[in-house]
Amino acid sequence: MSKILIVDDENFIRDMMKDFLELEGYEFYEAENGKSAFKIINEKKDDISLIFLDYTLPDIKGKEFVKKMIDENIKIPVILTSGLSDNLDVSLEEKEVVKATLSKPFNLDNFLKIVKDIING
């Protein structure tokens, strides 16, 4: 089964995503900051099919997170989310990793379609 890493500093968002993904049959890991997320990635990268990444974390911005993934050759696809839509411009290099962007609040059905499209390739 596909596992999704949920990276968001807001408990409410993580809980909502976990409940929704569980109903759809997905398993997940969760992290509240970039440091925890990279620890999970380094330990479980072969199990993770997708990363749901908040743009603004307490310890790292989404673009820095994505750059670190590219620098470390981590090829897990990312859905980048933000409450500020102007943060969601993605460069050509970042598109290697960032497969979709979503502005908060987002529609859960649209999110699920994006997840399925990315995971099913």
PDB file of N, CA and C in Angstrom:
ATOM      1  N   MET A   1       0.849  -1.189   0.000  1.00  0.00           N
ATOM      2  CA  MET A   1       0.000   0.000   0.000  1.00  0.00           C
ATOM      3  C   MET A   1       0.887   1.244   0.000  1.00  0.00           C
ATOM      4  N   SER A   2       0.431   2.265  -0.667  1.00  0.00           N
ATOM      5  CA  SER A   2       1.173   3.519  -0.754  1.00  0.00           C
ATOM      6  C   SER A   2       1.154   4.254   0.580  1.00  0.00           C
ATOM      7  N   LYS A   3       2.330   4.756   0.966  1.00  0.00           N
ATOM      8  CA  LYS A   3       2.436   5.547   2.192  1.00  0.00           C
ATOM      9  C   LYS A   3       2.761   6.984   1.826  1.00  0.00           C
ATOM     10  N   ILE A   4       2.097   7.883   2.523  1.00  0.00           N
ATOM     11  CA  ILE A   4       2.255   9.312   2.262  1.00  0.00           C
ATOM     12  C   ILE A   4       2.843   9.959   3.509  1.00  0.00           C
ATOM     13  N   LEU A   5       3.856  10.793   3.310  1.00  0.00           N
ATOM     14  CA  LEU A   5       4.440  11.557   4.407  1.00  0.00           C
ATOM     15  C   LEU A   5       3.745  12.918   4.449  1.00  0.00           C
ATOM     16  N   ILE A   6       3.066  13.193   5.570  1.00  0.00           N
ATOM     17  CA  ILE A   6       2.379  14.464   5.769  1.00  0.00           C
ATOM     18  C   ILE A   6       3.299  15.364   6.590  1.00  0.00           C
ATOM     19  N   VAL A   7       3.723  16.484   6.003  1.00  0.00           N
ATOM     20  CA  VAL A   7       4.631  17.408   6.686  1.00  0.00           C
ATOM     21  C   VAL A   7       3.920  18.753   6.824  1.00  0.00           C
ATOM     22  N   ASP A   8       3.451  19.022   8.038  1.00  0.00           N
ATOM     23  CA  ASP A   8       2.748  20.277   8.315  1.00  0.00           C
ATOM     24  C   ASP A   8       2.879  20.559   9.803  1.00  0.00           C
ATOM     25  N   ASP A   9       3.113  21.816  10.161  1.00  0.00           N
ATOM     26  CA  ASP A   9       3.277  22.152  11.579  1.00  0.00           C
ATOM     27  C   ASP A   9       1.949  22.327  12.302  1.00  0.00           C
ATOM     28  N   GLU A  10       0.845  22.321  11.574  1.00  0.00           N
ATOM     29  CA  GLU A  10      -0.464  22.460  12.202  1.00  0.00           C
ATOM     30  C   GLU A  10      -1.084  21.090  12.476  1.00  0.00           C
ATOM     31  N   ASN A  11      -1.317  20.788  13.760  1.00  0.00           N
ATOM     32  CA  ASN A  11      -1.920  19.504  14.139  1.00  0.00           C
ATOM     33  C   ASN A  11      -3.238  19.274  13.428  1.00  0.00           C
ATOM     34  N   PHE A  12      -4.051  20.331  13.329  1.00  0.00           N
ATOM     35  CA  PHE A  12      -5.358  20.209  12.698  1.00  0.00           C
ATOM     36  C   PHE A  12      -5.233  19.704  11.264  1.00  0.00           C
ATOM     37  N   ILE A  13      -4.309  20.264  10.509  1.00  0.00           N
ATOM     38  CA  ILE A  13      -4.116  19.854   9.108  1.00  0.00           C
ATOM     39  C   ILE A  13      -3.654  18.404   9.049  1.00  0.00           C
ATOM     40  N   ARG A  14      -2.666  18.058   9.861  1.00  0.00           N
ATOM     41  CA  ARG A  14      -2.174  16.672   9.861  1.00  0.00           C
ATOM     42  C   ARG A  14      -3.297  15.694  10.216  1.00  0.00           C
ATOM     43  N   ASP A  15      -4.078  16.023  11.249  1.00  0.00           N
ATOM     44  CA  ASP A  15      -5.172  15.137  11.658  1.00  0.00           C
ATOM     45  C   ASP A  15      -6.224  14.999  10.567  1.00  0.00           C
ATOM     46  N   MET A  16      -6.575  16.103   9.926  1.00  0.00           N
ATOM     47  CA  MET A  16      -7.555  16.067   8.844  1.00  0.00           C
ATOM     48  C   MET A  16      -7.047  15.198   7.695  1.00  0.00           C
ATOM     49  N   MET A  17      -5.785  15.392   7.320  1.00  0.00           N
ATOM     50  CA  MET A  17      -5.206  14.617   6.215  1.00  0.00           C
ATOM     51  C   MET A  17      -5.135  13.132   6.573  1.00  0.00           C
ATOM     52  N   LYS A  18      -4.730  12.828   7.800  1.00  0.00           N
ATOM     53  CA  LYS A  18      -4.649  11.425   8.230  1.00  0.00           C
ATOM     54  C   LYS A  18      -6.019  10.760   8.150  1.00  0.00           C
ATOM     55  N   ASP A  19      -7.049  11.431   8.691  1.00  0.00           N
ATOM     56  CA  ASP A  19      -8.406  10.862   8.661  1.00  0.00           C
ATOM     57  C   ASP A  19      -8.860  10.625   7.230  1.00  0.00           C
ATOM     58  N   PHE A  20      -8.643  11.600   6.378  1.00  0.00           N
ATOM     59  CA  PHE A  20      -9.078  11.504   4.987  1.00  0.00           C
ATOM     60  C   PHE A  20      -8.326  10.403   4.244  1.00  0.00           C
ATOM     61  N   LEU A  21      -7.011  10.364   4.410  1.00  0.00           N
ATOM     62  CA  LEU A  21      -6.204   9.363   3.704  1.00  0.00           C
ATOM     63  C   LEU A  21      -6.494   7.950   4.201  1.00  0.00           C
ATOM     64  N   GLU A  22      -6.722   7.818   5.496  1.00  0.00           N
ATOM     65  CA  GLU A  22      -7.058   6.508   6.067  1.00  0.00           C
ATOM     66  C   GLU A  22      -8.359   5.976   5.468  1.00  0.00           C
ATOM     67  N   LEU A  23      -9.358   6.844   5.324  1.00  0.00           N
ATOM     68  CA  LEU A  23     -10.631   6.443   4.721  1.00  0.00           C
ATOM     69  C   LEU A  23     -10.441   5.948   3.289  1.00  0.00           C
ATOM     70  N   GLU A  24      -9.437   6.484   2.617  1.00  0.00           N
ATOM     71  CA  GLU A  24      -9.161   6.104   1.232  1.00  0.00           C
ATOM     72  C   GLU A  24      -8.207   4.920   1.129  1.00  0.00           C
ATOM     73  N   GLY A  25      -7.788   4.375   2.277  1.00  0.00           N
ATOM     74  CA  GLY A  25      -6.944   3.186   2.274  1.00  0.00           C
ATOM     75  C   GLY A  25      -5.449   3.455   2.242  1.00  0.00           C
ATOM     76  N   TYR A  26      -5.051   4.710   2.383  1.00  0.00           N
ATOM     77  CA  TYR A  26      -3.627   5.034   2.389  1.00  0.00           C
ATOM     78  C   TYR A  26      -3.070   4.947   3.804  1.00  0.00           C
ATOM     79  N   GLU A  27      -1.795   4.642   3.889  1.00  0.00           N
ATOM     80  CA  GLU A  27      -1.073   4.693   5.150  1.00  0.00           C
ATOM     81  C   GLU A  27      -0.205   5.941   5.119  1.00  0.00           C
ATOM     82  N   PHE A  28       0.286   6.349   6.266  1.00  0.00           N
ATOM     83  CA  PHE A  28       0.997   7.617   6.295  1.00  0.00           C
ATOM     84  C   PHE A  28       2.019   7.657   7.421  1.00  0.00           C
ATOM     85  N   TYR A  29       2.953   8.556   7.248  1.00  0.00           N
ATOM     86  CA  TYR A  29       3.858   9.008   8.296  1.00  0.00           C
ATOM     87  C   TYR A  29       3.535  10.477   8.480  1.00  0.00           C
ATOM     88  N   GLU A  30       3.930  11.051   9.604  1.00  0.00           N
ATOM     89  CA  GLU A  30       3.690  12.475   9.788  1.00  0.00           C
ATOM     90  C   GLU A  30       4.878  13.141  10.460  1.00  0.00           C
ATOM     91  N   ALA A  31       5.060  14.409  10.106  1.00  0.00           N
ATOM     92  CA  ALA A  31       6.137  15.208  10.691  1.00  0.00           C
ATOM     93  C   ALA A  31       5.631  16.634  10.847  1.00  0.00           C
ATOM     94  N   GLU A  32       6.052  17.283  11.938  1.00  0.00           N
ATOM     95  CA  GLU A  32       5.609  18.656  12.181  1.00  0.00           C
ATOM     96  C   GLU A  32       6.630  19.699  11.763  1.00  0.00           C
ATOM     97  N   ASN A  33       7.817  19.232  11.297  1.00  0.00           N
ATOM     98  CA  ASN A  33       8.839  20.176  10.839  1.00  0.00           C
ATOM     99  C   ASN A  33       9.769  19.472   9.854  1.00  0.00           C
ATOM    100  N   GLY A  34      10.652  20.257   9.255  1.00  0.00           N
ATOM    101  CA  GLY A  34      11.550  19.708   8.248  1.00  0.00           C
ATOM    102  C   GLY A  34      12.528  18.690   8.801  1.00  0.00           C
ATOM    103  N   LYS A  35      13.066  18.949   9.984  1.00  0.00           N
ATOM    104  CA  LYS A  35      14.039  18.028  10.588  1.00  0.00           C
ATOM    105  C   LYS A  35      13.418  16.648  10.792  1.00  0.00           C
ATOM    106  N   SER A  36      12.206  16.597  11.353  1.00  0.00           N
ATOM    107  CA  SER A  36      11.529  15.311  11.558  1.00  0.00           C
ATOM    108  C   SER A  36      11.222  14.642  10.222  1.00  0.00           C
ATOM    109  N   ALA A  37      10.820  15.452   9.248  1.00  0.00           N
ATOM    110  CA  ALA A  37      10.492  14.903   7.935  1.00  0.00           C
ATOM    111  C   ALA A  37      11.705  14.242   7.292  1.00  0.00           C
ATOM    112  N   PHE A  38      12.866  14.916   7.340  1.00  0.00           N
ATOM    113  CA  PHE A  38      14.057  14.317   6.727  1.00  0.00           C
ATOM    114  C   PHE A  38      14.521  13.075   7.481  1.00  0.00           C
ATOM    115  N   LYS A  39      14.294  13.042   8.777  1.00  0.00           N
ATOM    116  CA  LYS A  39      14.616  11.824   9.540  1.00  0.00           C
ATOM    117  C   LYS A  39      13.770  10.655   9.029  1.00  0.00           C
ATOM    118  N   ILE A  40      12.480  10.897   8.842  1.00  0.00           N
ATOM    119  CA  ILE A  40      11.590   9.850   8.319  1.00  0.00           C
ATOM    120  C   ILE A  40      11.989   9.478   6.897  1.00  0.00           C
ATOM    121  N   ILE A  41      12.268  10.463   6.068  1.00  0.00           N
ATOM    122  CA  ILE A  41      12.667  10.194   4.685  1.00  0.00           C
ATOM    123  C   ILE A  41      13.921   9.332   4.664  1.00  0.00           C
ATOM    124  N   ASN A  42      14.915   9.675   5.471  1.00  0.00           N
ATOM    125  CA  ASN A  42      16.167   8.908   5.475  1.00  0.00           C
ATOM    126  C   ASN A  42      15.970   7.478   5.961  1.00  0.00           C
ATOM    127  N   GLU A  43      15.018   7.275   6.870  1.00  0.00           N
ATOM    128  CA  GLU A  43      14.762   5.928   7.397  1.00  0.00           C
ATOM    129  C   GLU A  43      13.806   5.119   6.527  1.00  0.00           C
ATOM    130  N   LYS A  44      12.853   5.786   5.861  1.00  0.00           N
ATOM    131  CA  LYS A  44      11.747   5.079   5.200  1.00  0.00           C
ATOM    132  C   LYS A  44      11.574   5.440   3.733  1.00  0.00           C
ATOM    133  N   LYS A  45      12.584   6.030   3.100  1.00  0.00           N
ATOM    134  CA  LYS A  45      12.384   6.565   1.752  1.00  0.00           C
ATOM    135  C   LYS A  45      11.867   5.542   0.746  1.00  0.00           C
ATOM    136  N   ASP A  46      12.206   4.273   0.920  1.00  0.00           N
ATOM    137  CA  ASP A  46      11.726   3.260  -0.019  1.00  0.00           C
ATOM    138  C   ASP A  46      10.240   2.961   0.165  1.00  0.00           C
ATOM    139  N   ASP A  47       9.678   3.327   1.315  1.00  0.00           N
ATOM    140  CA  ASP A  47       8.260   3.084   1.601  1.00  0.00           C
ATOM    141  C   ASP A  47       7.369   4.266   1.238  1.00  0.00           C
ATOM    142  N   ILE A  48       7.951   5.442   1.048  1.00  0.00           N
ATOM    143  CA  ILE A  48       7.156   6.657   0.854  1.00  0.00           C
ATOM    144  C   ILE A  48       6.891   6.884  -0.636  1.00  0.00           C
ATOM    145  N   SER A  49       5.599   6.988  -0.980  1.00  0.00           N
ATOM    146  CA  SER A  49       5.204   7.206  -2.372  1.00  0.00           C
ATOM    147  C   SER A  49       4.968   8.669  -2.700  1.00  0.00           C
ATOM    148  N   LEU A  50       4.738   9.492  -1.652  1.00  0.00           N
ATOM    149  CA  LEU A  50       4.362  10.878  -1.880  1.00  0.00           C
ATOM    150  C   LEU A  50       4.585  11.674  -0.601  1.00  0.00           C
ATOM    151  N   ILE A  51       4.959  12.948  -0.764  1.00  0.00           N
ATOM    152  CA  ILE A  51       5.104  13.850   0.381  1.00  0.00           C
ATOM    153  C   ILE A  51       4.123  15.007   0.219  1.00  0.00           C
ATOM    154  N   PHE A  52       3.302  15.204   1.236  1.00  0.00           N
ATOM    155  CA  PHE A  52       2.404  16.354   1.331  1.00  0.00           C
ATOM    156  C   PHE A  52       3.143  17.372   2.178  1.00  0.00           C
ATOM    157  N   LEU A  53       3.604  18.481   1.577  1.00  0.00           N
ATOM    158  CA  LEU A  53       4.535  19.398   2.227  1.00  0.00           C
ATOM    159  C   LEU A  53       3.965  20.798   2.346  1.00  0.00           C
ATOM    160  N   ASP A  54       3.877  21.286   3.580  1.00  0.00           N
ATOM    161  CA  ASP A  54       3.484  22.670   3.824  1.00  0.00           C
ATOM    162  C   ASP A  54       4.659  23.572   3.465  1.00  0.00           C
ATOM    163  N   TYR A  55       4.360  24.686   2.794  1.00  0.00           N
ATOM    164  CA  TYR A  55       5.412  25.604   2.367  1.00  0.00           C
ATOM    165  C   TYR A  55       6.121  26.265   3.542  1.00  0.00           C
ATOM    166  N   THR A  56       5.373  26.580   4.597  1.00  0.00           N
ATOM    167  CA  THR A  56       5.945  27.321   5.714  1.00  0.00           C
ATOM    168  C   THR A  56       6.003  26.443   6.961  1.00  0.00           C
ATOM    169  N   LEU A  57       7.174  25.901   7.212  1.00  0.00           N
ATOM    170  CA  LEU A  57       7.412  25.107   8.418  1.00  0.00           C
ATOM    171  C   LEU A  57       8.239  25.952   9.384  1.00  0.00           C
ATOM    172  N   PRO A  58       8.245  25.606  10.662  1.00  0.00           N
ATOM    173  CA  PRO A  58       8.978  26.431  11.629  1.00  0.00           C
ATOM    174  C   PRO A  58      10.489  26.475  11.377  1.00  0.00           C
ATOM    175  N   ASP A  59      11.042  25.435  10.777  1.00  0.00           N
ATOM    176  CA  ASP A  59      12.497  25.367  10.640  1.00  0.00           C
ATOM    177  C   ASP A  59      13.018  25.451   9.201  1.00  0.00           C
ATOM    178  N   ILE A  60      12.126  25.385   8.203  1.00  0.00           N
ATOM    179  CA  ILE A  60      12.576  25.421   6.813  1.00  0.00           C
ATOM    180  C   ILE A  60      11.396  25.788   5.908  1.00  0.00           C
ATOM    181  N   LYS A  61      11.666  26.532   4.876  1.00  0.00           N
ATOM    182  CA  LYS A  61      10.629  26.865   3.893  1.00  0.00           C
ATOM    183  C   LYS A  61      10.533  25.724   2.879  1.00  0.00           C
ATOM    184  N   GLY A  62       9.377  25.614   2.250  1.00  0.00           N
ATOM    185  CA  GLY A  62       9.141  24.541   1.293  1.00  0.00           C
ATOM    186  C   GLY A  62      10.158  24.479   0.172  1.00  0.00           C
ATOM    187  N   LYS A  63      10.546  25.655  -0.337  1.00  0.00           N
ATOM    188  CA  LYS A  63      11.521  25.683  -1.443  1.00  0.00           C
ATOM    189  C   LYS A  63      12.889  25.165  -0.986  1.00  0.00           C
ATOM    190  N   GLU A  64      13.275  25.495   0.236  1.00  0.00           N
ATOM    191  CA  GLU A  64      14.549  24.985   0.772  1.00  0.00           C
ATOM    192  C   GLU A  64      14.469  23.476   0.974  1.00  0.00           C
ATOM    193  N   PHE A  65      13.327  23.000   1.436  1.00  0.00           N
ATOM    194  CA  PHE A  65      13.107  21.572   1.628  1.00  0.00           C
ATOM    195  C   PHE A  65      13.268  20.843   0.288  1.00  0.00           C
ATOM    196  N   VAL A  66      12.604  21.371  -0.740  1.00  0.00           N
ATOM    197  CA  VAL A  66      12.670  20.771  -2.078  1.00  0.00           C
ATOM    198  C   VAL A  66      14.096  20.821  -2.614  1.00  0.00           C
ATOM    199  N   LYS A  67      14.795  21.941  -2.416  1.00  0.00           N
ATOM    200  CA  LYS A  67      16.186  22.041  -2.881  1.00  0.00           C
ATOM    201  C   LYS A  67      17.051  20.988  -2.201  1.00  0.00           C
ATOM    202  N   LYS A  68      16.852  20.785  -0.912  1.00  0.00           N
ATOM    203  CA  LYS A  68      17.613  19.762  -0.194  1.00  0.00           C
ATOM    204  C   LYS A  68      17.299  18.374  -0.755  1.00  0.00           C
ATOM    205  N   MET A  69      16.038  18.124  -1.084  1.00  0.00           N
ATOM    206  CA  MET A  69      15.683  16.836  -1.701  1.00  0.00           C
ATOM    207  C   MET A  69      16.424  16.654  -3.018  1.00  0.00           C
ATOM    208  N   ILE A  70      16.438  17.702  -3.838  1.00  0.00           N
ATOM    209  CA  ILE A  70      17.123  17.624  -5.138  1.00  0.00           C
ATOM    210  C   ILE A  70      18.617  17.407  -4.921  1.00  0.00           C
ATOM    211  N   ASP A  71      19.218  18.181  -3.999  1.00  0.00           N
ATOM    212  CA  ASP A  71      20.654  18.058  -3.718  1.00  0.00           C
ATOM    213  C   ASP A  71      21.020  16.661  -3.227  1.00  0.00           C
ATOM    214  N   GLU A  72      20.109  16.034  -2.474  1.00  0.00           N
ATOM    215  CA  GLU A  72      20.368  14.693  -1.927  1.00  0.00           C
ATOM    216  C   GLU A  72      19.820  13.589  -2.825  1.00  0.00           C
ATOM    217  N   ASN A  73      19.359  13.974  -4.035  1.00  0.00           N
ATOM    218  CA  ASN A  73      18.861  13.031  -5.025  1.00  0.00           C
ATOM    219  C   ASN A  73      17.694  12.186  -4.500  1.00  0.00           C
ATOM    220  N   ILE A  74      16.806  12.810  -3.743  1.00  0.00           N
ATOM    221  CA  ILE A  74      15.609  12.144  -3.236  1.00  0.00           C
ATOM    222  C   ILE A  74      14.499  12.406  -4.244  1.00  0.00           C
ATOM    223  N   LYS A  75      13.986  11.353  -4.852  1.00  0.00           N
ATOM    224  CA  LYS A  75      13.056  11.475  -5.975  1.00  0.00           C
ATOM    225  C   LYS A  75      11.592  11.241  -5.605  1.00  0.00           C
ATOM    226  N   ILE A  76      11.228  11.394  -4.345  1.00  0.00           N
ATOM    227  CA  ILE A  76       9.839  11.195  -3.926  1.00  0.00           C
ATOM    228  C   ILE A  76       9.021  12.400  -4.384  1.00  0.00           C
ATOM    229  N   PRO A  77       7.900  12.177  -5.074  1.00  0.00           N
ATOM    230  CA  PRO A  77       7.080  13.304  -5.516  1.00  0.00           C
ATOM    231  C   PRO A  77       6.477  14.079  -4.344  1.00  0.00           C
ATOM    232  N   VAL A  78       6.304  15.383  -4.568  1.00  0.00           N
ATOM    233  CA  VAL A  78       5.814  16.303  -3.532  1.00  0.00           C
ATOM    234  C   VAL A  78       4.573  17.034  -4.019  1.00  0.00           C
ATOM    235  N   ILE A  79       3.597  17.169  -3.108  1.00  0.00           N
ATOM    236  CA  ILE A  79       2.508  18.130  -3.277  1.00  0.00           C
ATOM    237  C   ILE A  79       2.827  19.267  -2.315  1.00  0.00           C
ATOM    238  N   LEU A  80       3.075  20.457  -2.841  1.00  0.00           N
ATOM    239  CA  LEU A  80       3.437  21.620  -2.035  1.00  0.00           C
ATOM    240  C   LEU A  80       2.180  22.442  -1.758  1.00  0.00           C
ATOM    241  N   THR A  81       1.940  22.755  -0.482  1.00  0.00           N
ATOM    242  CA  THR A  81       0.739  23.503  -0.108  1.00  0.00           C
ATOM    243  C   THR A  81       1.106  24.776   0.635  1.00  0.00           C
ATOM    244  N   SER A  82       0.238  25.776   0.502  1.00  0.00           N
ATOM    245  CA  SER A  82       0.465  27.028   1.217  1.00  0.00           C
ATOM    246  C   SER A  82      -0.838  27.797   1.361  1.00  0.00           C
ATOM    247  N   GLY A  83      -0.933  28.535   2.439  1.00  0.00           N
ATOM    248  CA  GLY A  83      -2.044  29.460   2.613  1.00  0.00           C
ATOM    249  C   GLY A  83      -1.830  30.745   1.842  1.00  0.00           C
ATOM    250  N   LEU A  84      -0.622  30.949   1.335  1.00  0.00           N
ATOM    251  CA  LEU A  84      -0.279  32.137   0.547  1.00  0.00           C
ATOM    252  C   LEU A  84       0.030  31.693  -0.875  1.00  0.00           C
ATOM    253  N   SER A  85      -0.890  31.892  -1.789  1.00  0.00           N
ATOM    254  CA  SER A  85      -0.763  31.334  -3.134  1.00  0.00           C
ATOM    255  C   SER A  85       0.452  31.846  -3.899  1.00  0.00           C
ATOM    256  N   ASP A  86       0.973  33.029  -3.548  1.00  0.00           N
ATOM    257  CA  ASP A  86       2.139  33.534  -4.282  1.00  0.00           C
ATOM    258  C   ASP A  86       3.415  32.760  -3.945  1.00  0.00           C
ATOM    259  N   ASN A  87       3.374  31.903  -2.931  1.00  0.00           N
ATOM    260  CA  ASN A  87       4.531  31.065  -2.585  1.00  0.00           C
ATOM    261  C   ASN A  87       4.636  29.833  -3.474  1.00  0.00           C
ATOM    262  N   LEU A  88       3.641  29.585  -4.292  1.00  0.00           N
ATOM    263  CA  LEU A  88       3.555  28.295  -4.965  1.00  0.00           C
ATOM    264  C   LEU A  88       4.106  28.284  -6.386  1.00  0.00           C
ATOM    265  N   ASP A  89       4.831  29.313  -6.777  1.00  0.00           N
ATOM    266  CA  ASP A  89       5.507  29.274  -8.074  1.00  0.00           C
ATOM    267  C   ASP A  89       6.662  28.300  -7.978  1.00  0.00           C
ATOM    268  N   VAL A  90       6.756  27.414  -8.955  1.00  0.00           N
ATOM    269  CA  VAL A  90       7.754  26.348  -8.915  1.00  0.00           C
ATOM    270  C   VAL A  90       8.666  26.477 -10.126  1.00  0.00           C
ATOM    271  N   SER A  91       9.973  26.444  -9.889  1.00  0.00           N
ATOM    272  CA  SER A  91      10.944  26.539 -10.978  1.00  0.00           C
ATOM    273  C   SER A  91      11.005  25.220 -11.746  1.00  0.00           C
ATOM    274  N   LEU A  92      11.636  25.271 -12.909  1.00  0.00           N
ATOM    275  CA  LEU A  92      11.787  24.064 -13.723  1.00  0.00           C
ATOM    276  C   LEU A  92      12.527  22.975 -12.953  1.00  0.00           C
ATOM    277  N   GLU A  93      13.591  23.350 -12.252  1.00  0.00           N
ATOM    278  CA  GLU A  93      14.353  22.367 -11.465  1.00  0.00           C
ATOM    279  C   GLU A  93      13.484  21.759 -10.367  1.00  0.00           C
ATOM    280  N   GLU A  94      12.670  22.582  -9.706  1.00  0.00           N
ATOM    281  CA  GLU A  94      11.817  22.094  -8.616  1.00  0.00           C
ATOM    282  C   GLU A  94      10.727  21.162  -9.121  1.00  0.00           C
ATOM    283  N   LYS A  95      10.337  21.312 -10.389  1.00  0.00           N
ATOM    284  CA  LYS A  95       9.298  20.453 -10.958  1.00  0.00           C
ATOM    285  C   LYS A  95       9.749  18.995 -11.052  1.00  0.00           C
ATOM    286  N   GLU A  96      11.056  18.751 -10.934  1.00  0.00           N
ATOM    287  CA  GLU A  96      11.550  17.370 -10.834  1.00  0.00           C
ATOM    288  C   GLU A  96      10.890  16.660  -9.667  1.00  0.00           C
ATOM    289  N   VAL A  97      10.667  17.405  -8.587  1.00  0.00           N
ATOM    290  CA  VAL A  97      10.157  16.852  -7.340  1.00  0.00           C
ATOM    291  C   VAL A  97       8.717  17.289  -7.080  1.00  0.00           C
ATOM    292  N   VAL A  98       8.419  18.574  -7.265  1.00  0.00           N
ATOM    293  CA  VAL A  98       7.086  19.109  -6.974  1.00  0.00           C
ATOM    294  C   VAL A  98       6.163  18.780  -8.145  1.00  0.00           C
ATOM    295  N   LYS A  99       5.249  17.856  -7.902  1.00  0.00           N
ATOM    296  CA  LYS A  99       4.345  17.396  -8.963  1.00  0.00           C
ATOM    297  C   LYS A  99       3.016  18.130  -8.960  1.00  0.00           C
ATOM    298  N   ALA A 100       2.703  18.817  -7.852  1.00  0.00           N
ATOM    299  CA  ALA A 100       1.455  19.592  -7.779  1.00  0.00           C
ATOM    300  C   ALA A 100       1.579  20.631  -6.670  1.00  0.00           C
ATOM    301  N   THR A 101       0.807  21.703  -6.801  1.00  0.00           N
ATOM    302  CA  THR A 101       0.723  22.721  -5.752  1.00  0.00           C
ATOM    303  C   THR A 101      -0.745  22.923  -5.411  1.00  0.00           C
ATOM    304  N   LEU A 102      -1.005  23.194  -4.143  1.00  0.00           N
ATOM    305  CA  LEU A 102      -2.370  23.441  -3.679  1.00  0.00           C
ATOM    306  C   LEU A 102      -2.373  24.635  -2.734  1.00  0.00           C
ATOM    307  N   SER A 103      -3.321  25.539  -2.940  1.00  0.00           N
ATOM    308  CA  SER A 103      -3.507  26.651  -2.015  1.00  0.00           C
ATOM    309  C   SER A 103      -4.493  26.223  -0.941  1.00  0.00           C
ATOM    310  N   LYS A 104      -4.167  26.576   0.316  1.00  0.00           N
ATOM    311  CA  LYS A 104      -5.085  26.283   1.425  1.00  0.00           C
ATOM    312  C   LYS A 104      -6.108  27.400   1.518  1.00  0.00           C
ATOM    313  N   PRO A 105      -7.331  27.117   1.863  1.00  0.00           N
ATOM    314  CA  PRO A 105      -7.892  25.775   2.039  1.00  0.00           C
ATOM    315  C   PRO A 105      -8.129  25.141   0.669  1.00  0.00           C
ATOM    316  N   PHE A 106      -8.018  23.826   0.594  1.00  0.00           N
ATOM    317  CA  PHE A 106      -8.211  23.146  -0.679  1.00  0.00           C
ATOM    318  C   PHE A 106      -9.334  22.127  -0.558  1.00  0.00           C
ATOM    319  N   ASN A 107      -9.841  21.750  -1.707  1.00  0.00           N
ATOM    320  CA  ASN A 107     -10.917  20.782  -1.800  1.00  0.00           C
ATOM    321  C   ASN A 107     -10.336  19.374  -1.631  1.00  0.00           C
ATOM    322  N   LEU A 108     -10.863  18.601  -0.696  1.00  0.00           N
ATOM    323  CA  LEU A 108     -10.310  17.269  -0.420  1.00  0.00           C
ATOM    324  C   LEU A 108     -10.497  16.308  -1.592  1.00  0.00           C
ATOM    325  N   ASP A 109     -11.586  16.437  -2.331  1.00  0.00           N
ATOM    326  CA  ASP A 109     -11.782  15.563  -3.494  1.00  0.00           C
ATOM    327  C   ASP A 109     -10.747  15.857  -4.572  1.00  0.00           C
ATOM    328  N   ASN A 110     -10.451  17.130  -4.790  1.00  0.00           N
ATOM    329  CA  ASN A 110      -9.416  17.521  -5.743  1.00  0.00           C
ATOM    330  C   ASN A 110      -8.055  16.997  -5.273  1.00  0.00           C
ATOM    331  N   PHE A 111      -7.783  17.129  -3.975  1.00  0.00           N
ATOM    332  CA  PHE A 111      -6.541  16.615  -3.408  1.00  0.00           C
ATOM    333  C   PHE A 111      -6.419  15.116  -3.667  1.00  0.00           C
ATOM    334  N   LEU A 112      -7.492  14.365  -3.410  1.00  0.00           N
ATOM    335  CA  LEU A 112      -7.458  12.917  -3.601  1.00  0.00           C
ATOM    336  C   LEU A 112      -7.183  12.558  -5.056  1.00  0.00           C
ATOM    337  N   LYS A 113      -7.780  13.289  -5.988  1.00  0.00           N
ATOM    338  CA  LYS A 113      -7.531  13.037  -7.414  1.00  0.00           C
ATOM    339  C   LYS A 113      -6.050  13.255  -7.736  1.00  0.00           C
ATOM    340  N   ILE A 114      -5.483  14.325  -7.210  1.00  0.00           N
ATOM    341  CA  ILE A 114      -4.062  14.608  -7.442  1.00  0.00           C
ATOM    342  C   ILE A 114      -3.193  13.494  -6.849  1.00  0.00           C
ATOM    343  N   VAL A 115      -3.509  13.066  -5.630  1.00  0.00           N
ATOM    344  CA  VAL A 115      -2.753  11.974  -4.987  1.00  0.00           C
ATOM    345  C   VAL A 115      -2.788  10.727  -5.857  1.00  0.00           C
ATOM    346  N   LYS A 116      -3.978  10.344  -6.289  1.00  0.00           N
ATOM    347  CA  LYS A 116      -4.112   9.121  -7.107  1.00  0.00           C
ATOM    348  C   LYS A 116      -3.352   9.265  -8.420  1.00  0.00           C
ATOM    349  N   ASP A 117      -3.467  10.431  -9.071  1.00  0.00           N
ATOM    350  CA  ASP A 117      -2.758  10.649 -10.336  1.00  0.00           C
ATOM    351  C   ASP A 117      -1.245  10.519 -10.151  1.00  0.00           C
ATOM    352  N   ILE A 118      -0.718  11.086  -9.083  1.00  0.00           N
ATOM    353  CA  ILE A 118       0.730  11.039  -8.856  1.00  0.00           C
ATOM    354  C   ILE A 118       1.170   9.620  -8.504  1.00  0.00           C
ATOM    355  N   ILE A 119       0.471   8.975  -7.582  1.00  0.00           N
ATOM    356  CA  ILE A 119       0.881   7.639  -7.134  1.00  0.00           C
ATOM    357  C   ILE A 119       0.725   6.603  -8.250  1.00  0.00           C
ATOM    358  N   ASN A 120      -0.338   6.735  -9.036  1.00  0.00           N
ATOM    359  CA  ASN A 120      -0.564   5.759 -10.116  1.00  0.00           C
ATOM    360  C   ASN A 120       0.202   6.079 -11.383  1.00  0.00           C
ATOM    361  N   GLY A 121       0.915   7.195 -11.357  1.00  0.00           N
ATOM    362  CA  GLY A 121       1.837   7.566 -12.418  1.00  0.00           C
ATOM    363  C   GLY A 121       1.255   7.940 -13.705  1.00  0.00           C
TER     364      GLY A 121
END
